[in-house]
Amino acid sequence: MTLTEKILARAAGKDRVQAGDNIWVKADVLMTHDVCGPGTIGVFKREFGKTAKVWDKKRIVIIPDHYIFTSDSKSNRNVDILRDFVKEQGLPYFYDVIDDPDGTWKFDASKGLLNRQYGSRYAGVCHTALPQKGHTRPGEILFGTDSHTCMAGAFNEFATGIGNTDAGFVMGTGKLLIKVPETMHFRLEGKMQPGVMAKDIILHCIGEIGFDGATYRALQFDGEGVKSMSIDDRMTVANMAIEAGGKNGIFEFDARTQEYVDARCQLNGTKATYEPVTRDKDEKFVYEHVVDLSKLEPTVACHPDPGQRKKAKDMGDVKLDRAYVGSCTGGKTSDFIEFAKILRGKKVVIDTFGVPATPEIVHELQTARWDDKTVWQILVDAGVRMTENAGCSACLGGPVDTFGRINQAGLKCISATNRNFPGRMGDKESQVFLASPATVAASALTGFITDPREYLS
């Protein structure tokens, strides 16, 4: 069996499963956020009763993160709906925007969009926060009401996005009916060269198969090349499995996975036991592709979908209006480090926005120093508009006052986020080009799509 099949078989209490089987699996964790949480709660109460209790209080994680730092009253109210439900159910894993359990959330526009407006428990973007807070474990099943839940596949678990109806059912029963997906195999060999990042790996893979080439399939990433990839790298790759239509993405378990998971579970006091899955000799794949990481080049996904792959060096004639680094895919500490390496001592020539994924990342960027400056200050001095309000921000568009949102027709933005369908980051007539933080940085310096290797000494 493949890695995905082995996890699903275990969760179904079966010795074996194969692609196409319909099975009931037990969930280990259910995650929801402010956009889908109220709807999921509504389904749960409608189907199980207004006084019903969730199946397991310690297996539900609620993380407001999408439409948070906006004056839109309905968006603010969504966070309050989550808080009321958490109090009613006695849920321990709620990462609220405010510290007062009896309070209400209201964004204060007078304080501006750059300065912190959250309490001590706020966790930021759910997909980055889940591993940071110790909720991702090898061999487990993670369901989340967000398509990029597959990012947790970096930790050798089956993680996938589901809708509100399915999530409401899981909330009440802890189970879900799943069709076992076919598995596509991507064997990674070699090592990335300077200027190439994990974003280039996944954009290459999606370009090979198309934005619908993995529809309802698992994407398995393994091989010697994975050994040189950091946890952040693996998270970036797994995150965008959905951009090829994938059900999930998954990596092998190794010492690097164990070190990260053990440390985070211990730090946060979450469940520390888990059972990873390893590869079998009789794996059956529906597709196989070898990626030589040493031969990859900085890559860009062009409007209007992530499958429109081109090399950055061939796109120097594309004039840009905006650059953006952030989201679960591009807002990690390592992403901003690579961003800052290119921008250090220079000035951007187009509007450039930086949105760290979590408050922990904000802290790291504001305390890590290169000589006499923090990484944060290096970026600000380069002209980047950095916000302390970690979250999804403009990655999913949001209300018109969302930080970094594209509110003008025709603008072209190069972004380290994960999706570029029309209207994804705001105006439907805008164009979004997806690239690595390094490519975004180089492009912000020239105002045109630029290969970051031009700025490497």
Protein backbone atom coordinates (compact mmCIF):
# COMPACT_ATOMS: atom_id res chain seq x y z
CA MET A 1 0.00 0.00 0.00
CA THR A 2 1.02 3.63 -0.47
CA LEU A 3 1.55 5.97 2.50
CA THR A 4 -1.96 7.38 2.09
CA GLU A 5 -3.55 3.93 1.82
CA LYS A 6 -1.76 2.71 4.95
CA ILE A 7 -3.04 5.61 7.04
CA LEU A 8 -6.59 5.23 5.75
CA ALA A 9 -6.54 1.46 6.31
CA ARG A 10 -5.48 1.94 9.92
CA ALA A 11 -8.14 4.61 10.50
CA ALA A 12 -10.76 2.27 9.03
CA GLY A 13 -9.65 -0.69 11.15
CA LYS A 14 -8.73 -2.71 8.06
CA ASP A 15 -5.63 -4.69 7.12
CA ARG A 16 -5.67 -3.39 3.56
CA VAL A 17 -7.44 -0.88 1.35
CA GLN A 18 -6.96 0.03 -2.29
CA ALA A 19 -7.76 2.96 -4.53
CA GLY A 20 -11.50 3.24 -5.13
CA ASP A 21 -12.59 1.62 -1.85
CA ASN A 22 -15.26 3.50 0.12
CA ILE A 23 -14.43 3.30 3.81
CA TRP A 24 -15.43 4.87 7.12
CA VAL A 25 -12.42 6.37 8.87
CA LYS A 26 -11.95 7.74 12.36
CA ALA A 27 -10.74 11.34 12.56
CA ASP A 28 -7.87 12.33 14.83
CA VAL A 29 -8.31 16.10 14.50
CA LEU A 30 -11.00 18.37 13.05
CA MET A 31 -9.96 21.96 12.32
CA THR A 32 -12.22 24.83 11.38
CA HIS A 33 -11.84 28.62 11.16
CA ASP A 34 -13.84 31.83 11.06
CA VAL A 35 -14.99 31.51 7.43
CA CYS A 36 -16.38 27.97 7.65
CA GLY A 37 -16.71 27.48 11.41
CA PRO A 38 -20.11 29.17 11.82
CA GLY A 39 -21.54 27.10 8.96
CA THR A 40 -20.07 23.89 10.38
CA ILE A 41 -21.54 24.69 13.79
CA GLY A 42 -24.91 25.35 12.15
CA VAL A 43 -24.86 21.95 10.42
CA PHE A 44 -23.80 20.22 13.65
CA LYS A 45 -26.67 21.75 15.66
CA ARG A 46 -29.22 21.16 12.92
CA GLU A 47 -28.37 17.47 12.58
CA PHE A 48 -27.46 16.51 16.15
CA GLY A 49 -29.59 18.91 18.17
CA LYS A 50 -29.10 22.34 19.73
CA THR A 51 -27.84 20.84 22.99
CA ALA A 52 -25.66 18.14 21.42
CA LYS A 53 -22.02 17.75 22.47
CA VAL A 54 -19.10 17.29 20.11
CA TRP A 55 -17.63 13.81 19.81
CA ASP A 56 -14.31 14.67 21.49
CA LYS A 57 -13.44 18.10 22.91
CA LYS A 58 -9.68 17.56 22.62
CA ARG A 59 -9.80 16.66 18.94
CA ILE A 60 -11.38 19.87 17.69
CA VAL A 61 -9.15 22.85 16.90
CA ILE A 62 -10.68 26.24 16.06
CA ILE A 63 -8.44 28.93 14.58
CA PRO A 64 -9.85 32.27 13.39
CA ASP A 65 -7.49 33.56 10.70
CA HIS A 66 -9.11 34.59 7.41
CA TYR A 67 -11.23 37.76 7.64
CA ILE A 68 -9.96 39.06 10.96
CA PHE A 69 -8.33 42.46 10.60
CA THR A 70 -11.19 44.18 8.83
CA SER A 71 -13.93 46.57 9.89
CA ASP A 72 -16.53 44.37 8.20
CA SER A 73 -19.04 43.70 10.99
CA LYS A 74 -20.14 40.30 9.71
CA SER A 75 -16.55 39.09 9.60
CA ASN A 76 -15.99 40.30 13.16
CA ARG A 77 -19.20 38.58 14.26
CA ASN A 78 -17.98 35.25 12.90
CA VAL A 79 -15.24 35.20 15.53
CA ASP A 80 -17.82 35.85 18.24
CA ILE A 81 -19.92 32.90 16.99
CA LEU A 82 -16.88 30.66 17.37
CA ARG A 83 -16.20 31.96 20.88
CA ASP A 84 -19.79 31.33 22.00
CA PHE A 85 -19.62 27.75 20.70
CA VAL A 86 -16.28 27.12 22.39
CA LYS A 87 -17.67 28.27 25.76
CA GLU A 88 -20.80 26.16 25.29
CA GLN A 89 -18.77 23.02 24.46
CA GLY A 90 -15.78 23.63 26.74
CA LEU A 91 -13.25 23.28 23.91
CA PRO A 92 -9.60 23.74 24.98
CA TYR A 93 -8.07 24.43 21.57
CA PHE A 94 -9.51 27.78 20.53
CA TYR A 95 -6.96 30.36 19.42
CA ASP A 96 -9.03 33.50 19.91
CA VAL A 97 -8.20 36.95 18.57
CA ILE A 98 -8.92 38.49 22.00
CA ASP A 99 -8.08 37.36 25.53
CA ASP A 100 -11.47 38.05 27.13
CA PRO A 101 -13.58 34.85 26.89
CA ASP A 102 -16.71 36.93 27.42
CA GLY A 103 -15.74 39.75 25.08
CA THR A 104 -16.53 40.59 21.47
CA TRP A 105 -14.12 41.15 18.61
CA LYS A 106 -14.05 44.44 16.76
CA PHE A 107 -11.20 45.60 14.56
CA ASP A 108 -10.11 49.16 15.32
CA ALA A 109 -9.42 50.79 11.96
CA SER A 110 -8.08 53.94 13.66
CA LYS A 111 -5.01 51.98 14.76
CA GLY A 112 -4.18 51.17 11.16
CA LEU A 113 -3.40 47.88 9.46
CA LEU A 114 0.25 47.57 10.44
CA ASN A 115 0.17 47.50 14.25
CA ARG A 116 -0.77 44.45 16.32
CA GLN A 117 -4.42 44.04 17.22
CA TYR A 118 -4.65 40.57 18.75
CA GLY A 119 -4.39 38.90 22.14
CA SER A 120 -1.97 36.39 23.62
CA ARG A 121 -3.66 33.22 22.29
CA TYR A 122 -4.15 34.27 18.69
CA ALA A 123 -2.33 31.82 16.40
CA GLY A 124 -2.53 33.21 12.85
CA VAL A 125 -2.98 31.20 9.65
CA CYS A 126 -4.49 27.83 10.56
CA HIS A 127 -2.26 25.64 8.38
CA THR A 128 0.95 27.14 9.77
CA ALA A 129 -0.45 27.36 13.30
CA LEU A 130 -1.57 23.71 13.46
CA PRO A 131 2.00 22.32 13.46
CA GLN A 132 3.33 25.19 15.56
CA LYS A 133 0.74 24.46 18.23
CA GLY A 134 1.34 20.69 18.21
CA HIS A 135 -1.72 19.46 16.33
CA THR A 136 -0.03 17.64 13.42
CA ARG A 137 1.20 14.09 14.03
CA PRO A 138 2.50 11.36 11.70
CA GLY A 139 0.10 8.58 10.79
CA GLU A 140 -3.01 10.53 11.81
CA ILE A 141 -6.12 11.77 10.00
CA LEU A 142 -6.66 15.54 9.92
CA PHE A 143 -9.80 17.02 8.42
CA GLY A 144 -10.12 20.77 8.00
CA THR A 145 -12.70 23.11 6.52
CA ASP A 146 -10.14 24.60 4.19
CA SER A 147 -8.72 23.26 0.94
CA HIS A 148 -5.11 23.88 2.00
CA THR A 149 -5.41 21.57 5.00
CA CYS A 150 -3.31 19.22 2.87
CA MET A 151 -0.27 21.24 4.02
CA ALA A 152 -0.06 18.96 7.08
CA GLY A 153 0.84 16.09 4.79
CA ALA A 154 4.40 17.35 5.29
CA PHE A 155 4.23 15.52 8.62
CA ASN A 156 3.41 12.08 7.22
CA GLU A 157 -0.32 12.34 7.91
CA PHE A 158 -3.46 12.20 5.80
CA ALA A 159 -4.70 15.78 5.81
CA THR A 160 -7.45 17.03 3.53
CA GLY A 161 -10.03 19.75 3.21
CA ILE A 162 -13.75 19.05 3.62
CA GLY A 163 -16.94 21.08 3.39
CA ASN A 164 -19.17 22.34 6.19
CA THR A 165 -21.62 19.45 5.92
CA ASP A 166 -18.92 16.80 6.25
CA ALA A 167 -17.27 18.79 9.04
CA GLY A 168 -20.55 19.04 10.94
CA PHE A 169 -20.88 15.26 10.70
CA VAL A 170 -17.30 14.72 11.91
CA MET A 171 -17.93 17.15 14.75
CA GLY A 172 -20.77 14.95 15.96
CA THR A 173 -19.41 11.46 15.24
CA GLY A 174 -15.64 11.61 14.73
CA LYS A 175 -16.05 9.62 11.51
CA LEU A 176 -16.30 10.26 7.79
CA LEU A 177 -16.91 8.19 4.66
CA ILE A 178 -13.89 8.46 2.36
CA LYS A 179 -13.09 7.06 -1.07
CA VAL A 180 -9.48 5.90 -1.09
CA PRO A 181 -7.66 8.05 -3.68
CA GLU A 182 -5.25 6.82 -6.31
CA THR A 183 -1.67 7.88 -5.59
CA MET A 184 0.66 9.82 -7.87
CA HIS A 185 4.35 9.38 -7.11
CA PHE A 186 6.87 12.22 -7.25
CA ARG A 187 10.39 11.03 -6.53
CA LEU A 188 12.68 13.93 -5.64
CA GLU A 189 16.38 13.60 -6.34
CA GLY A 190 19.36 15.95 -6.02
CA LYS A 191 19.45 19.26 -4.17
CA MET A 192 18.05 22.71 -4.93
CA GLN A 193 20.51 25.27 -6.28
CA PRO A 194 20.82 28.85 -4.92
CA GLY A 195 17.85 30.98 -5.93
CA VAL A 196 15.54 27.96 -6.15
CA MET A 197 13.00 27.32 -3.39
CA ALA A 198 10.36 24.74 -2.50
CA LYS A 199 7.73 26.84 -4.27
CA ASP A 200 9.60 26.17 -7.51
CA ILE A 201 9.37 22.42 -6.86
CA ILE A 202 5.62 22.36 -6.55
CA LEU A 203 5.04 24.83 -9.39
CA HIS A 204 7.15 22.54 -11.58
CA CYS A 205 5.11 19.49 -10.56
CA ILE A 206 1.77 21.22 -11.14
CA GLY A 207 3.03 22.47 -14.48
CA GLU A 208 3.79 18.88 -15.46
CA ILE A 209 0.30 17.56 -14.78
CA GLY A 210 -1.94 20.65 -14.97
CA PHE A 211 -4.12 22.33 -12.35
CA ASP A 212 -6.60 19.44 -12.55
CA GLY A 213 -4.11 16.64 -13.21
CA ALA A 214 -4.35 15.19 -9.72
CA THR A 215 -8.10 15.46 -9.20
CA TYR A 216 -9.06 13.32 -6.18
CA ARG A 217 -5.62 11.75 -6.04
CA ALA A 218 -2.91 11.61 -3.40
CA LEU A 219 0.47 13.13 -4.25
CA GLN A 220 3.31 11.22 -2.57
CA PHE A 221 6.69 12.95 -2.33
CA ASP A 222 9.75 10.91 -1.38
CA GLY A 223 13.29 10.14 -2.48
CA GLU A 224 16.81 11.21 -1.57
CA GLY A 225 16.06 14.82 -2.45
CA VAL A 226 13.63 15.13 0.48
CA LYS A 227 16.50 14.73 2.95
CA SER A 228 17.85 18.16 2.05
CA MET A 229 14.42 19.80 2.40
CA SER A 230 13.46 21.60 5.59
CA ILE A 231 10.08 21.14 7.27
CA ASP A 232 9.07 24.54 5.86
CA ASP A 233 10.01 23.32 2.37
CA ARG A 234 7.86 20.22 2.74
CA MET A 235 4.94 22.26 4.04
CA THR A 236 5.09 24.51 0.97
CA VAL A 237 5.04 21.53 -1.38
CA ALA A 238 2.26 19.63 0.43
CA ASN A 239 0.18 22.79 0.73
CA MET A 240 -0.23 23.15 -3.01
CA ALA A 241 -1.24 19.57 -3.78
CA ILE A 242 -4.77 20.94 -3.94
CA GLU A 243 -3.70 23.32 -6.72
CA ALA A 244 -3.48 20.28 -9.00
CA GLY A 245 -6.83 19.02 -7.71
CA GLY A 246 -5.23 16.63 -5.22
CA LYS A 247 -7.07 15.07 -2.30
CA ASN A 248 -3.89 15.23 -0.22
CA GLY A 249 -0.13 15.49 -0.39
CA ILE A 250 2.13 13.38 1.82
CA PHE A 251 5.81 13.00 2.71
CA GLU A 252 7.76 10.17 4.27
CA PHE A 253 8.52 10.23 7.99
CA ASP A 254 12.15 10.86 8.96
CA ALA A 255 14.27 12.20 11.82
CA ARG A 256 13.55 15.80 10.81
CA THR A 257 9.79 15.15 11.03
CA GLN A 258 10.18 13.49 14.41
CA GLU A 259 12.30 16.29 15.82
CA TYR A 260 9.79 18.97 14.82
CA VAL A 261 6.66 17.12 15.93
CA ASP A 262 8.10 15.97 19.25
CA ALA A 263 9.31 19.46 20.12
CA ARG A 264 6.00 21.12 19.27
CA CYS A 265 3.86 18.57 21.10
CA GLN A 266 6.03 18.90 24.18
CA LEU A 267 6.06 22.71 24.02
CA ASN A 268 2.26 22.93 23.74
CA GLY A 269 1.29 19.98 25.94
CA THR A 270 -0.63 18.27 23.14
CA LYS A 271 -0.89 14.53 22.49
CA ALA A 272 2.68 13.27 22.08
CA THR A 273 2.15 9.70 20.88
CA TYR A 274 1.84 8.78 17.22
CA GLU A 275 2.60 5.98 14.79
CA PRO A 276 4.12 7.01 11.44
CA VAL A 277 3.68 4.98 8.26
CA THR A 278 6.55 3.80 6.10
CA ARG A 279 6.78 2.78 2.47
CA ASP A 280 5.93 -0.72 1.23
CA LYS A 281 7.66 -2.54 -1.59
CA ASP A 282 4.35 -3.28 -3.31
CA GLU A 283 3.15 0.31 -3.70
CA LYS A 284 0.94 0.85 -6.73
CA PHE A 285 0.97 4.29 -8.32
CA VAL A 286 -1.25 5.66 -11.07
CA TYR A 287 1.52 8.04 -12.17
CA GLU A 288 5.25 8.41 -11.55
CA HIS A 289 7.54 11.37 -12.11
CA VAL A 290 11.16 11.99 -11.16
CA VAL A 291 12.18 15.54 -10.25
CA ASP A 292 15.89 16.39 -10.30
CA LEU A 293 15.99 19.28 -7.84
CA SER A 294 19.44 20.34 -9.03
CA LYS A 295 18.04 21.16 -12.48
CA LEU A 296 15.05 23.23 -11.36
CA GLU A 297 15.01 26.96 -12.05
CA PRO A 298 12.98 29.82 -10.54
CA THR A 299 9.44 29.23 -11.78
CA VAL A 300 6.30 31.35 -12.11
CA ALA A 301 2.65 30.28 -12.41
CA CYS A 302 0.87 32.72 -14.69
CA HIS A 303 -2.70 33.97 -14.63
CA PRO A 304 -5.30 32.41 -14.50
CA ASP A 305 -4.34 29.14 -12.75
CA PRO A 306 -1.36 27.51 -10.97
CA GLY A 307 -0.71 25.16 -13.88
CA GLN A 308 0.44 27.93 -16.24
CA ARG A 309 4.16 27.35 -15.65
CA LYS A 310 6.97 29.46 -17.09
CA LYS A 311 10.57 30.13 -16.10
CA ALA A 312 11.14 33.48 -14.39
CA LYS A 313 14.10 34.23 -16.67
CA ASP A 314 11.78 34.14 -19.70
CA MET A 315 9.25 36.62 -18.27
CA GLY A 316 11.30 39.79 -17.96
CA ASP A 317 8.86 41.73 -20.14
CA VAL A 318 5.94 41.33 -17.70
CA LYS A 319 5.49 44.68 -15.92
CA LEU A 320 4.17 44.47 -12.36
CA ASP A 321 2.21 46.79 -10.09
CA ARG A 322 2.46 44.92 -6.78
CA ALA A 323 4.42 42.29 -4.87
CA TYR A 324 3.12 40.22 -1.95
CA VAL A 325 4.74 37.75 0.45
CA GLY A 326 2.58 35.92 2.97
CA SER A 327 -0.01 33.17 3.59
CA CYS A 328 0.45 29.60 4.78
CA THR A 329 2.54 28.90 1.69
CA GLY A 330 4.77 31.97 1.64
CA GLY A 331 4.59 33.57 5.08
CA LYS A 332 6.89 31.32 7.13
CA THR A 333 10.08 32.56 8.77
CA SER A 334 12.29 30.88 6.17
CA ASP A 335 10.26 32.53 3.39
CA PHE A 336 10.91 35.97 4.84
CA ILE A 337 14.60 35.18 5.36
CA GLU A 338 14.99 34.44 1.64
CA PHE A 339 12.90 37.51 0.86
CA ALA A 340 15.21 39.66 2.99
CA LYS A 341 18.40 38.20 1.51
CA ILE A 342 17.48 39.66 -1.86
CA LEU A 343 16.14 42.99 -0.55
CA ARG A 344 18.86 43.75 2.01
CA GLY A 345 20.34 47.18 1.36
CA LYS A 346 18.08 47.82 -1.64
CA LYS A 347 14.72 49.50 -2.33
CA VAL A 348 11.59 48.08 -3.92
CA VAL A 349 10.11 50.04 -6.83
CA ILE A 350 6.52 48.76 -6.62
CA ASP A 351 4.00 48.46 -3.77
CA THR A 352 5.21 45.50 -1.71
CA PHE A 353 3.34 43.84 1.15
CA GLY A 354 4.59 41.40 3.80
CA VAL A 355 2.21 39.35 5.97
CA PRO A 356 3.75 36.81 8.38
CA ALA A 357 1.63 33.70 8.84
CA THR A 358 1.70 33.61 12.66
CA PRO A 359 2.52 35.88 15.62
CA GLU A 360 5.44 33.57 16.38
CA ILE A 361 6.91 34.40 12.97
CA VAL A 362 6.38 38.13 13.61
CA HIS A 363 8.38 37.76 16.83
CA GLU A 364 11.17 35.85 15.11
CA LEU A 365 11.51 38.44 12.36
CA GLN A 366 11.49 41.31 14.87
CA THR A 367 14.18 39.75 17.09
CA ALA A 368 16.52 37.94 14.67
CA ARG A 369 19.37 40.31 13.77
CA TRP A 370 21.70 40.61 10.81
CA ASP A 371 24.51 42.86 12.03
CA ASP A 372 22.83 45.98 13.44
CA LYS A 373 19.31 45.39 12.09
CA THR A 374 16.51 42.92 12.61
CA VAL A 375 15.16 41.06 9.61
CA TRP A 376 11.94 43.03 10.06
CA GLN A 377 13.80 46.35 9.90
CA ILE A 378 15.72 45.26 6.81
CA LEU A 379 12.43 44.65 5.03
CA VAL A 380 10.86 47.90 6.24
CA ASP A 381 13.96 49.85 5.17
CA ALA A 382 13.65 48.23 1.73
CA GLY A 383 10.17 49.71 1.44
CA VAL A 384 8.10 46.65 2.29
CA ARG A 385 4.84 47.35 4.12
CA MET A 386 5.08 44.80 6.94
CA THR A 387 2.04 44.13 9.14
CA GLU A 388 2.19 42.62 12.62
CA ASN A 389 -1.35 41.33 12.15
CA ALA A 390 -0.52 37.79 11.09
CA GLY A 391 -3.24 36.09 9.09
CA CYS A 392 -4.51 35.21 5.64
CA SER A 393 -5.01 38.87 4.64
CA ALA A 394 -5.26 39.31 0.85
CA CYS A 395 -4.48 35.70 -0.08
CA LEU A 396 -8.24 35.09 -0.17
CA GLY A 397 -9.22 38.62 -1.13
CA GLY A 398 -11.52 39.48 1.75
CA PRO A 399 -13.44 42.69 2.49
CA VAL A 400 -12.23 45.81 0.67
CA ASP A 401 -10.21 47.09 3.66
CA THR A 402 -8.14 43.89 3.88
CA PHE A 403 -4.39 44.55 4.02
CA GLY A 404 -2.81 44.10 0.60
CA ARG A 405 -6.10 43.39 -1.22
CA ILE A 406 -6.14 44.24 -4.94
CA ASN A 407 -8.96 46.77 -5.23
CA GLN A 408 -8.18 48.12 -8.69
CA ALA A 409 -8.90 46.46 -12.02
CA GLY A 410 -6.02 45.48 -14.21
CA LEU A 411 -3.28 45.41 -11.59
CA LYS A 412 -0.60 42.73 -11.93
CA CYS A 413 0.72 41.21 -8.71
CA ILE A 414 3.52 38.72 -8.13
CA SER A 415 2.76 36.75 -4.99
CA ALA A 416 4.23 34.01 -2.82
CA THR A 417 0.70 32.78 -2.04
CA ASN A 418 -0.84 29.58 -3.39
CA ARG A 419 -3.74 30.35 -5.73
CA ASN A 420 -4.26 32.74 -8.63
CA PHE A 421 -7.72 32.14 -10.10
CA PRO A 422 -9.47 35.34 -11.29
CA GLY A 423 -10.54 37.44 -8.30
CA ARG A 424 -8.58 35.36 -5.79
CA MET A 425 -6.78 38.37 -4.29
CA GLY A 426 -9.48 40.94 -4.97
CA ASP A 427 -10.60 42.55 -8.22
CA LYS A 428 -11.67 40.02 -10.85
CA GLU A 429 -9.82 41.89 -13.58
CA SER A 430 -6.48 41.74 -11.75
CA GLN A 431 -3.77 39.20 -12.55
CA VAL A 432 -1.75 37.22 -10.01
CA PHE A 433 1.56 35.51 -10.79
CA LEU A 434 2.65 32.89 -8.26
CA ALA A 435 6.35 32.58 -7.41
CA SER A 436 8.79 31.90 -4.59
CA PRO A 437 9.61 34.62 -2.02
CA ALA A 438 13.03 34.99 -3.67
CA THR A 439 11.48 35.61 -7.10
CA VAL A 440 8.93 37.99 -5.56
CA ALA A 441 11.77 39.94 -3.93
CA ALA A 442 13.81 40.25 -7.12
CA SER A 443 10.71 41.31 -9.04
CA ALA A 444 9.84 43.94 -6.42
CA LEU A 445 13.27 45.51 -7.03
CA THR A 446 12.81 45.84 -10.80
CA GLY A 447 9.06 46.17 -11.29
CA PHE A 448 9.19 43.29 -13.76
CA ILE A 449 9.18 39.52 -13.24
CA THR A 450 12.83 38.82 -12.45
CA ASP A 451 14.96 35.72 -11.89
CA PRO A 452 16.32 36.01 -8.30
CA ARG A 453 19.63 34.50 -9.36
CA GLU A 454 20.46 37.92 -10.83
CA TYR A 455 20.77 39.19 -7.25
CA LEU A 456 22.80 36.34 -5.78
CA SER A 457 26.45 37.08 -5.12
